[in-house]
């Protein structure tokens, strides 16, 4: 529900009776990632879906995924998927 406006770990702990440190331990233990990394991956997966399924620009997609700039989104996207998002923009239009 908070893809466009990401929430921080401190806000997340406000919804539970679990401490910040315990949440971090549980994420690392069961998912192998920090909560921030896991959340960023969700946002990037959503962005990849938008790239494939819509005709939105990289700018529009980056903001829809809660990134503050196209550059930051593109850098994180490339780290996660090993490729730039730009070649895939408009894929929905080409189908």
PDB file of N, CA and C in Angstrom:
ATOM      1  N   UNK A   1       0.813  -1.210   0.000  1.00  0.00           N
ATOM      2  CA  UNK A   1       0.000   0.000   0.000  1.00  0.00           C
ATOM      3  C   UNK A   1       0.848   1.263   0.000  1.00  0.00           C
ATOM      4  N   UNK A   2       2.127   1.147   0.276  1.00  0.00           N
ATOM      5  CA  UNK A   2       2.984   2.326   0.370  1.00  0.00           C
ATOM      6  C   UNK A   2       4.123   2.286  -0.628  1.00  0.00           C
ATOM      7  N   UNK A   3       3.823   1.936  -1.842  1.00  0.00           N
ATOM      8  CA  UNK A   3       4.860   1.901  -2.867  1.00  0.00           C
ATOM      9  C   UNK A   3       5.271   3.319  -3.249  1.00  0.00           C
ATOM     10  N   UNK A   4       4.286   4.176  -3.521  1.00  0.00           N
ATOM     11  CA  UNK A   4       4.575   5.546  -3.955  1.00  0.00           C
ATOM     12  C   UNK A   4       5.185   6.396  -2.854  1.00  0.00           C
ATOM     13  N   UNK A   5       4.762   6.177  -1.630  1.00  0.00           N
ATOM     14  CA  UNK A   5       5.270   6.941  -0.490  1.00  0.00           C
ATOM     15  C   UNK A   5       5.812   5.960   0.542  1.00  0.00           C
ATOM     16  N   UNK A   6       7.066   5.564   0.370  1.00  0.00           N
ATOM     17  CA  UNK A   6       7.654   4.553   1.255  1.00  0.00           C
ATOM     18  C   UNK A   6       7.627   4.960   2.730  1.00  0.00           C
ATOM     19  N   UNK A   7       7.440   3.961   3.574  1.00  0.00           N
ATOM     20  CA  UNK A   7       7.502   4.195   5.017  1.00  0.00           C
ATOM     21  C   UNK A   7       8.815   3.634   5.551  1.00  0.00           C
ATOM     22  N   UNK A   8       9.291   4.232   6.605  1.00  0.00           N
ATOM     23  CA  UNK A   8      10.543   3.790   7.204  1.00  0.00           C
ATOM     24  C   UNK A   8      10.340   2.706   8.236  1.00  0.00           C
ATOM     25  N   UNK A   9      11.435   2.104   8.659  1.00  0.00           N
ATOM     26  CA  UNK A   9      11.389   1.032   9.652  1.00  0.00           C
ATOM     27  C   UNK A   9      10.810   1.515  10.969  1.00  0.00           C
ATOM     28  N   UNK A  10      11.087   2.763  11.338  1.00  0.00           N
ATOM     29  CA  UNK A  10      10.537   3.284  12.591  1.00  0.00           C
ATOM     30  C   UNK A  10       9.017   3.338  12.543  1.00  0.00           C
ATOM     31  N   UNK A  11       8.479   3.741  11.410  1.00  0.00           N
ATOM     32  CA  UNK A  11       7.019   3.780  11.257  1.00  0.00           C
ATOM     33  C   UNK A  11       6.450   2.359  11.244  1.00  0.00           C
ATOM     34  N   UNK A  12       7.169   1.452  10.614  1.00  0.00           N
ATOM     35  CA  UNK A  12       6.743   0.059  10.554  1.00  0.00           C
ATOM     36  C   UNK A  12       6.650  -0.548  11.952  1.00  0.00           C
ATOM     37  N   UNK A  13       7.610  -0.261  12.796  1.00  0.00           N
ATOM     38  CA  UNK A  13       7.580  -0.810  14.153  1.00  0.00           C
ATOM     39  C   UNK A  13       6.401  -0.270  14.949  1.00  0.00           C
ATOM     40  N   UNK A  14       5.876   0.883  14.570  1.00  0.00           N
ATOM     41  CA  UNK A  14       4.707   1.435  15.235  1.00  0.00           C
ATOM     42  C   UNK A  14       3.450   0.604  15.017  1.00  0.00           C
ATOM     43  N   UNK A  15       3.454  -0.243  13.975  1.00  0.00           N
ATOM     44  CA  UNK A  15       2.310  -1.110  13.682  1.00  0.00           C
ATOM     45  C   UNK A  15       2.402  -2.457  14.393  1.00  0.00           C
ATOM     46  N   UNK A  16       3.529  -2.720  15.045  1.00  0.00           N
ATOM     47  CA  UNK A  16       3.746  -4.023  15.678  1.00  0.00           C
ATOM     48  C   UNK A  16       4.208  -3.843  17.120  1.00  0.00           C
ATOM     49  N   UNK A  17       4.297  -4.940  17.811  1.00  0.00           N
ATOM     50  CA  UNK A  17       4.861  -4.942  19.161  1.00  0.00           C
ATOM     51  C   UNK A  17       6.296  -5.461  19.130  1.00  0.00           C
ATOM     52  N   UNK A  18       6.932  -5.356  17.969  1.00  0.00           N
ATOM     53  CA  UNK A  18       8.286  -5.865  17.787  1.00  0.00           C
ATOM     54  C   UNK A  18       9.236  -4.678  17.643  1.00  0.00           C
ATOM     55  N   UNK A  19      10.375  -4.780  18.292  1.00  0.00           N
ATOM     56  CA  UNK A  19      11.357  -3.699  18.218  1.00  0.00           C
ATOM     57  C   UNK A  19      11.988  -3.623  16.828  1.00  0.00           C
ATOM     58  N   UNK A  20      12.560  -2.480  16.541  1.00  0.00           N
ATOM     59  CA  UNK A  20      13.247  -2.265  15.261  1.00  0.00           C
ATOM     60  C   UNK A  20      14.337  -3.312  15.071  1.00  0.00           C
ATOM     61  N   UNK A  21      15.131  -3.528  16.083  1.00  0.00           N
ATOM     62  CA  UNK A  21      16.240  -4.486  15.994  1.00  0.00           C
ATOM     63  C   UNK A  21      15.729  -5.908  15.769  1.00  0.00           C
ATOM     64  N   UNK A  22      14.626  -6.277  16.424  1.00  0.00           N
ATOM     65  CA  UNK A  22      14.071  -7.621  16.252  1.00  0.00           C
ATOM     66  C   UNK A  22      13.533  -7.807  14.832  1.00  0.00           C
ATOM     67  N   UNK A  23      12.889  -6.778  14.291  1.00  0.00           N
ATOM     68  CA  UNK A  23      12.407  -6.854  12.903  1.00  0.00           C
ATOM     69  C   UNK A  23      13.591  -7.039  11.962  1.00  0.00           C
ATOM     70  N   UNK A  24      14.662  -6.284  12.191  1.00  0.00           N
ATOM     71  CA  UNK A  24      15.854  -6.419  11.354  1.00  0.00           C
ATOM     72  C   UNK A  24      16.425  -7.831  11.436  1.00  0.00           C
ATOM     73  N   UNK A  25      16.486  -8.393  12.637  1.00  0.00           N
ATOM     74  CA  UNK A  25      16.991  -9.767  12.812  1.00  0.00           C
ATOM     75  C   UNK A  25      16.108 -10.784  12.086  1.00  0.00           C
ATOM     76  N   UNK A  26      14.792 -10.620  12.202  1.00  0.00           N
ATOM     77  CA  UNK A  26      13.868 -11.556  11.563  1.00  0.00           C
ATOM     78  C   UNK A  26      13.958 -11.490  10.040  1.00  0.00           C
ATOM     79  N   UNK A  27      14.057 -10.299   9.498  1.00  0.00           N
ATOM     80  CA  UNK A  27      14.206 -10.155   8.051  1.00  0.00           C
ATOM     81  C   UNK A  27      15.491 -10.832   7.592  1.00  0.00           C
ATOM     82  N   UNK A  28      16.580 -10.569   8.291  1.00  0.00           N
ATOM     83  CA  UNK A  28      17.880 -11.137   7.911  1.00  0.00           C
ATOM     84  C   UNK A  28      17.829 -12.664   8.013  1.00  0.00           C
ATOM     85  N   UNK A  29      17.220 -13.167   9.059  1.00  0.00           N
ATOM     86  CA  UNK A  29      17.168 -14.609   9.297  1.00  0.00           C
ATOM     87  C   UNK A  29      16.329 -15.338   8.255  1.00  0.00           C
ATOM     88  N   UNK A  30      15.139 -14.803   7.957  1.00  0.00           N
ATOM     89  CA  UNK A  30      14.218 -15.517   7.079  1.00  0.00           C
ATOM     90  C   UNK A  30      14.279 -15.091   5.613  1.00  0.00           C
ATOM     91  N   UNK A  31      14.733 -13.897   5.342  1.00  0.00           N
ATOM     92  CA  UNK A  31      14.754 -13.405   3.966  1.00  0.00           C
ATOM     93  C   UNK A  31      16.161 -13.114   3.455  1.00  0.00           C
ATOM     94  N   UNK A  32      17.124 -13.044   4.370  1.00  0.00           N
ATOM     95  CA  UNK A  32      18.500 -12.770   3.979  1.00  0.00           C
ATOM     96  C   UNK A  32      18.749 -11.327   3.580  1.00  0.00           C
ATOM     97  N   UNK A  33      17.812 -10.440   3.900  1.00  0.00           N
ATOM     98  CA  UNK A  33      17.907  -9.029   3.541  1.00  0.00           C
ATOM     99  C   UNK A  33      17.483  -8.166   4.717  1.00  0.00           C
ATOM    100  N   UNK A  34      17.900  -6.918   4.682  1.00  0.00           N
ATOM    101  CA  UNK A  34      17.391  -5.962   5.669  1.00  0.00           C
ATOM    102  C   UNK A  34      15.980  -5.561   5.235  1.00  0.00           C
ATOM    103  N   UNK A  35      15.177  -5.020   6.154  1.00  0.00           N
ATOM    104  CA  UNK A  35      13.845  -4.543   5.757  1.00  0.00           C
ATOM    105  C   UNK A  35      13.910  -3.514   4.631  1.00  0.00           C
ATOM    106  N   UNK A  36      14.890  -2.618   4.675  1.00  0.00           N
ATOM    107  CA  UNK A  36      15.025  -1.587   3.640  1.00  0.00           C
ATOM    108  C   UNK A  36      15.324  -2.215   2.276  1.00  0.00           C
ATOM    109  N   UNK A  37      16.207  -3.203   2.246  1.00  0.00           N
ATOM    110  CA  UNK A  37      16.538  -3.875   0.986  1.00  0.00           C
ATOM    111  C   UNK A  37      15.321  -4.622   0.431  1.00  0.00           C
ATOM    112  N   UNK A  38      14.619  -5.300   1.317  1.00  0.00           N
ATOM    113  CA  UNK A  38      13.435  -6.048   0.909  1.00  0.00           C
ATOM    114  C   UNK A  38      12.379  -5.106   0.328  1.00  0.00           C
ATOM    115  N   UNK A  39      12.157  -3.999   1.002  1.00  0.00           N
ATOM    116  CA  UNK A  39      11.173  -3.014   0.567  1.00  0.00           C
ATOM    117  C   UNK A  39      11.571  -2.394  -0.768  1.00  0.00           C
ATOM    118  N   UNK A  40      12.858  -2.103  -0.930  1.00  0.00           N
ATOM    119  CA  UNK A  40      13.336  -1.548  -2.194  1.00  0.00           C
ATOM    120  C   UNK A  40      13.126  -2.552  -3.321  1.00  0.00           C
ATOM    121  N   UNK A  41      13.345  -3.831  -3.051  1.00  0.00           N
ATOM    122  CA  UNK A  41      13.126  -4.860  -4.065  1.00  0.00           C
ATOM    123  C   UNK A  41      11.659  -4.933  -4.484  1.00  0.00           C
ATOM    124  N   UNK A  42      10.755  -4.785  -3.532  1.00  0.00           N
ATOM    125  CA  UNK A  42       9.320  -4.761  -3.857  1.00  0.00           C
ATOM    126  C   UNK A  42       9.030  -3.601  -4.800  1.00  0.00           C
ATOM    127  N   UNK A  43       9.588  -2.431  -4.488  1.00  0.00           N
ATOM    128  CA  UNK A  43       9.364  -1.248  -5.312  1.00  0.00           C
ATOM    129  C   UNK A  43       9.962  -1.419  -6.705  1.00  0.00           C
ATOM    130  N   UNK A  44      11.139  -2.035  -6.789  1.00  0.00           N
ATOM    131  CA  UNK A  44      11.768  -2.271  -8.091  1.00  0.00           C
ATOM    132  C   UNK A  44      11.004  -3.319  -8.904  1.00  0.00           C
ATOM    133  N   UNK A  45      10.500  -4.350  -8.243  1.00  0.00           N
ATOM    134  CA  UNK A  45       9.682  -5.348  -8.941  1.00  0.00           C
ATOM    135  C   UNK A  45       8.416  -4.697  -9.502  1.00  0.00           C
ATOM    136  N   UNK A  46       7.822  -3.805  -8.722  1.00  0.00           N
ATOM    137  CA  UNK A  46       6.647  -3.062  -9.179  1.00  0.00           C
ATOM    138  C   UNK A  46       7.022  -2.204 -10.395  1.00  0.00           C
ATOM    139  N   UNK A  47       8.174  -1.555 -10.331  1.00  0.00           N
ATOM    140  CA  UNK A  47       8.646  -0.754 -11.453  1.00  0.00           C
ATOM    141  C   UNK A  47       8.853  -1.592 -12.705  1.00  0.00           C
ATOM    142  N   UNK A  48       9.421  -2.762 -12.534  1.00  0.00           N
ATOM    143  CA  UNK A  48       9.633  -3.655 -13.688  1.00  0.00           C
ATOM    144  C   UNK A  48       8.292  -4.032 -14.307  1.00  0.00           C
ATOM    145  N   UNK A  49       7.310  -4.293 -13.462  1.00  0.00           N
ATOM    146  CA  UNK A  49       5.970  -4.615 -13.943  1.00  0.00           C
ATOM    147  C   UNK A  49       5.375  -3.431 -14.716  1.00  0.00           C
ATOM    148  N   UNK A  50       5.549  -2.220 -14.190  1.00  0.00           N
ATOM    149  CA  UNK A  50       5.039  -1.030 -14.874  1.00  0.00           C
ATOM    150  C   UNK A  50       5.725  -0.828 -16.225  1.00  0.00           C
ATOM    151  N   UNK A  51       7.006  -1.129 -16.280  1.00  0.00           N
ATOM    152  CA  UNK A  51       7.750  -0.998 -17.539  1.00  0.00           C
ATOM    153  C   UNK A  51       7.165  -1.924 -18.600  1.00  0.00           C
ATOM    154  N   UNK A  52       6.877  -3.140 -18.213  1.00  0.00           N
ATOM    155  CA  UNK A  52       6.387  -4.140 -19.159  1.00  0.00           C
ATOM    156  C   UNK A  52       4.908  -3.939 -19.504  1.00  0.00           C
ATOM    157  N   UNK A  53       4.117  -3.539 -18.515  1.00  0.00           N
ATOM    158  CA  UNK A  53       2.672  -3.510 -18.693  1.00  0.00           C
ATOM    159  C   UNK A  53       2.079  -2.155 -19.071  1.00  0.00           C
ATOM    160  N   UNK A  54       2.863  -1.091 -19.011  1.00  0.00           N
ATOM    161  CA  UNK A  54       2.317   0.235 -19.287  1.00  0.00           C
ATOM    162  C   UNK A  54       3.185   0.984 -20.286  1.00  0.00           C
ATOM    163  N   UNK A  55       2.727   2.129 -20.675  1.00  0.00           N
ATOM    164  CA  UNK A  55       3.489   3.008 -21.559  1.00  0.00           C
ATOM    165  C   UNK A  55       4.046   4.209 -20.805  1.00  0.00           C
ATOM    166  N   UNK A  56       4.177   4.102 -19.485  1.00  0.00           N
ATOM    167  CA  UNK A  56       4.694   5.202 -18.673  1.00  0.00           C
ATOM    168  C   UNK A  56       6.175   5.434 -18.962  1.00  0.00           C
ATOM    169  N   UNK A  57       6.618   6.651 -18.775  1.00  0.00           N
ATOM    170  CA  UNK A  57       8.038   6.982 -18.937  1.00  0.00           C
ATOM    171  C   UNK A  57       8.819   6.520 -17.708  1.00  0.00           C
ATOM    172  N   UNK A  58      10.141   6.502 -17.829  1.00  0.00           N
ATOM    173  CA  UNK A  58      10.980   6.131 -16.680  1.00  0.00           C
ATOM    174  C   UNK A  58      10.753   7.112 -15.533  1.00  0.00           C
ATOM    175  N   UNK A  59      10.599   8.384 -15.840  1.00  0.00           N
ATOM    176  CA  UNK A  59      10.306   9.379 -14.789  1.00  0.00           C
ATOM    177  C   UNK A  59       9.024   9.039 -14.055  1.00  0.00           C
ATOM    178  N   UNK A  60       7.967   8.775 -14.787  1.00  0.00           N
ATOM    179  CA  UNK A  60       6.674   8.451 -14.173  1.00  0.00           C
ATOM    180  C   UNK A  60       6.769   7.180 -13.336  1.00  0.00           C
ATOM    181  N   UNK A  61       7.459   6.205 -13.857  1.00  0.00           N
ATOM    182  CA  UNK A  61       7.608   4.939 -13.133  1.00  0.00           C
ATOM    183  C   UNK A  61       8.440   5.125 -11.876  1.00  0.00           C
ATOM    184  N   UNK A  62       9.521   5.884 -11.978  1.00  0.00           N
ATOM    185  CA  UNK A  62      10.378   6.081 -10.797  1.00  0.00           C
ATOM    186  C   UNK A  62       9.596   6.728  -9.662  1.00  0.00           C
ATOM    187  N   UNK A  63       8.785   7.720  -9.967  1.00  0.00           N
ATOM    188  CA  UNK A  63       7.997   8.373  -8.916  1.00  0.00           C
ATOM    189  C   UNK A  63       6.868   7.479  -8.421  1.00  0.00           C
ATOM    190  N   UNK A  64       6.278   6.687  -9.307  1.00  0.00           N
ATOM    191  CA  UNK A  64       5.221   5.753  -8.910  1.00  0.00           C
ATOM    192  C   UNK A  64       5.753   4.682  -7.962  1.00  0.00           C
ATOM    193  N   UNK A  65       7.065   4.434  -8.029  1.00  0.00           N
ATOM    194  CA  UNK A  65       7.699   3.422  -7.176  1.00  0.00           C
ATOM    195  C   UNK A  65       8.357   4.027  -5.937  1.00  0.00           C
ATOM    196  N   UNK A  66       8.182   5.324  -5.741  1.00  0.00           N
ATOM    197  CA  UNK A  66       8.704   5.961  -4.540  1.00  0.00           C
ATOM    198  C   UNK A  66      10.148   6.403  -4.608  1.00  0.00           C
ATOM    199  N   UNK A  67      10.722   6.456  -5.807  1.00  0.00           N
ATOM    200  CA  UNK A  67      12.086   6.952  -5.953  1.00  0.00           C
ATOM    201  C   UNK A  67      12.022   8.448  -6.218  1.00  0.00           C
ATOM    202  N   UNK A  68      12.985   9.183  -5.697  1.00  0.00           N
ATOM    203  CA  UNK A  68      12.939  10.641  -5.828  1.00  0.00           C
ATOM    204  C   UNK A  68      13.526  11.150  -7.141  1.00  0.00           C
ATOM    205  N   UNK A  69      14.114  10.256  -7.937  1.00  0.00           N
ATOM    206  CA  UNK A  69      14.643  10.683  -9.228  1.00  0.00           C
ATOM    207  C   UNK A  69      14.745   9.496 -10.172  1.00  0.00           C
ATOM    208  N   UNK A  70      14.740   9.831 -11.436  1.00  0.00           N
ATOM    209  CA  UNK A  70      14.918   8.820 -12.490  1.00  0.00           C
ATOM    210  C   UNK A  70      16.291   8.166 -12.359  1.00  0.00           C
ATOM    211  N   UNK A  71      17.297   8.980 -12.051  1.00  0.00           N
ATOM    212  CA  UNK A  71      18.666   8.489 -11.935  1.00  0.00           C
ATOM    213  C   UNK A  71      18.788   7.447 -10.834  1.00  0.00           C
ATOM    214  N   UNK A  72      18.228   7.736  -9.680  1.00  0.00           N
ATOM    215  CA  UNK A  72      18.288   6.810  -8.552  1.00  0.00           C
ATOM    216  C   UNK A  72      17.541   5.516  -8.887  1.00  0.00           C
ATOM    217  N   UNK A  73      16.354   5.637  -9.473  1.00  0.00           N
ATOM    218  CA  UNK A  73      15.593   4.455  -9.873  1.00  0.00           C
ATOM    219  C   UNK A  73      16.396   3.617 -10.867  1.00  0.00           C
ATOM    220  N   UNK A  74      16.932   4.255 -11.888  1.00  0.00           N
ATOM    221  CA  UNK A  74      17.677   3.535 -12.919  1.00  0.00           C
ATOM    222  C   UNK A  74      18.899   2.825 -12.348  1.00  0.00           C
ATOM    223  N   UNK A  75      19.605   3.492 -11.440  1.00  0.00           N
ATOM    224  CA  UNK A  75      20.787   2.890 -10.816  1.00  0.00           C
ATOM    225  C   UNK A  75      20.388   1.655  -9.997  1.00  0.00           C
ATOM    226  N   UNK A  76      19.357   1.777  -9.181  1.00  0.00           N
ATOM    227  CA  UNK A  76      18.895   0.661  -8.360  1.00  0.00           C
ATOM    228  C   UNK A  76      18.333  -0.468  -9.228  1.00  0.00           C
ATOM    229  N   UNK A  77      17.625  -0.097 -10.285  1.00  0.00           N
ATOM    230  CA  UNK A  77      17.056  -1.079 -11.215  1.00  0.00           C
ATOM    231  C   UNK A  77      18.171  -1.904 -11.846  1.00  0.00           C
ATOM    232  N   UNK A  78      19.219  -1.228 -12.295  1.00  0.00           N
ATOM    233  CA  UNK A  78      20.337  -1.923 -12.932  1.00  0.00           C
ATOM    234  C   UNK A  78      21.050  -2.840 -11.942  1.00  0.00           C
ATOM    235  N   UNK A  79      21.195  -2.402 -10.687  1.00  0.00           N
ATOM    236  CA  UNK A  79      21.821  -3.251  -9.673  1.00  0.00           C
ATOM    237  C   UNK A  79      20.992  -4.514  -9.436  1.00  0.00           C
ATOM    238  N   UNK A  80      19.677  -4.368  -9.429  1.00  0.00           N
ATOM    239  CA  UNK A  80      18.796  -5.509  -9.134  1.00  0.00           C
ATOM    240  C   UNK A  80      18.661  -6.455 -10.320  1.00  0.00           C
ATOM    241  N   UNK A  81      18.474  -5.914 -11.515  1.00  0.00           N
ATOM    242  CA  UNK A  81      18.150  -6.739 -12.675  1.00  0.00           C
ATOM    243  C   UNK A  81      19.288  -6.886 -13.682  1.00  0.00           C
ATOM    244  N   UNK A  82      20.384  -6.147 -13.485  1.00  0.00           N
ATOM    245  CA  UNK A  82      21.535  -6.280 -14.370  1.00  0.00           C
ATOM    246  C   UNK A  82      21.382  -5.594 -15.715  1.00  0.00           C
ATOM    247  N   UNK A  83      20.382  -4.743 -15.846  1.00  0.00           N
ATOM    248  CA  UNK A  83      20.154  -4.020 -17.097  1.00  0.00           C
ATOM    249  C   UNK A  83      19.419  -2.719 -16.812  1.00  0.00           C
ATOM    250  N   UNK A  84      19.569  -1.785 -17.692  1.00  0.00           N
ATOM    251  CA  UNK A  84      18.906  -0.495 -17.569  1.00  0.00           C
ATOM    252  C   UNK A  84      17.425  -0.640 -17.912  1.00  0.00           C
ATOM    253  N   UNK A  85      16.556   0.143 -17.281  1.00  0.00           N
ATOM    254  CA  UNK A  85      15.135   0.049 -17.608  1.00  0.00           C
ATOM    255  C   UNK A  85      14.775   0.673 -18.952  1.00  0.00           C
ATOM    256  N   UNK A  86      15.574   1.579 -19.451  1.00  0.00           N
ATOM    257  CA  UNK A  86      15.225   2.359 -20.643  1.00  0.00           C
ATOM    258  C   UNK A  86      14.881   1.536 -21.889  1.00  0.00           C
ATOM    259  N   UNK A  87      15.622   0.494 -22.236  1.00  0.00           N
ATOM    260  CA  UNK A  87      15.276  -0.242 -23.460  1.00  0.00           C
ATOM    261  C   UNK A  87      13.898  -0.898 -23.428  1.00  0.00           C
ATOM    262  N   UNK A  88      13.359  -1.078 -22.232  1.00  0.00           N
ATOM    263  CA  UNK A  88      12.093  -1.794 -22.110  1.00  0.00           C
ATOM    264  C   UNK A  88      10.887  -0.859 -22.035  1.00  0.00           C
ATOM    265  N   UNK A  89      11.138   0.437 -21.930  1.00  0.00           N
ATOM    266  CA  UNK A  89      10.049   1.409 -21.864  1.00  0.00           C
ATOM    267  C   UNK A  89       9.267   1.341 -23.164  1.00  0.00           C
ATOM    268  N   UNK A  90       7.953   1.316 -23.028  1.00  0.00           N
ATOM    269  CA  UNK A  90       7.086   1.249 -24.190  1.00  0.00           C
ATOM    270  C   UNK A  90       6.874  -0.172 -24.695  1.00  0.00           C
ATOM    271  N   UNK A  91       7.318  -1.175 -23.938  1.00  0.00           N
ATOM    272  CA  UNK A  91       7.159  -2.569 -24.356  1.00  0.00           C
ATOM    273  C   UNK A  91       5.683  -2.919 -24.543  1.00  0.00           C
ATOM    274  N   UNK A  92       4.823  -2.341 -23.714  1.00  0.00           N
ATOM    275  CA  UNK A  92       3.386  -2.614 -23.840  1.00  0.00           C
ATOM    276  C   UNK A  92       2.868  -2.098 -25.169  1.00  0.00           C
ATOM    277  N   UNK A  93       3.397  -0.994 -25.632  1.00  0.00           N
ATOM    278  CA  UNK A  93       2.958  -0.388 -26.884  1.00  0.00           C
ATOM    279  C   UNK A  93       3.380  -1.265 -28.079  1.00  0.00           C
ATOM    280  N   UNK A  94       4.534  -1.934 -27.947  1.00  0.00           N
ATOM    281  CA  UNK A  94       5.068  -2.721 -29.067  1.00  0.00           C
ATOM    282  C   UNK A  94       4.407  -4.094 -29.208  1.00  0.00           C
ATOM    283  N   UNK A  95       3.639  -4.505 -28.211  1.00  0.00           N
ATOM    284  CA  UNK A  95       3.007  -5.828 -28.281  1.00  0.00           C
ATOM    285  C   UNK A  95       1.823  -5.837 -29.182  1.00  0.00           C
TER     286      UNK A  95
END
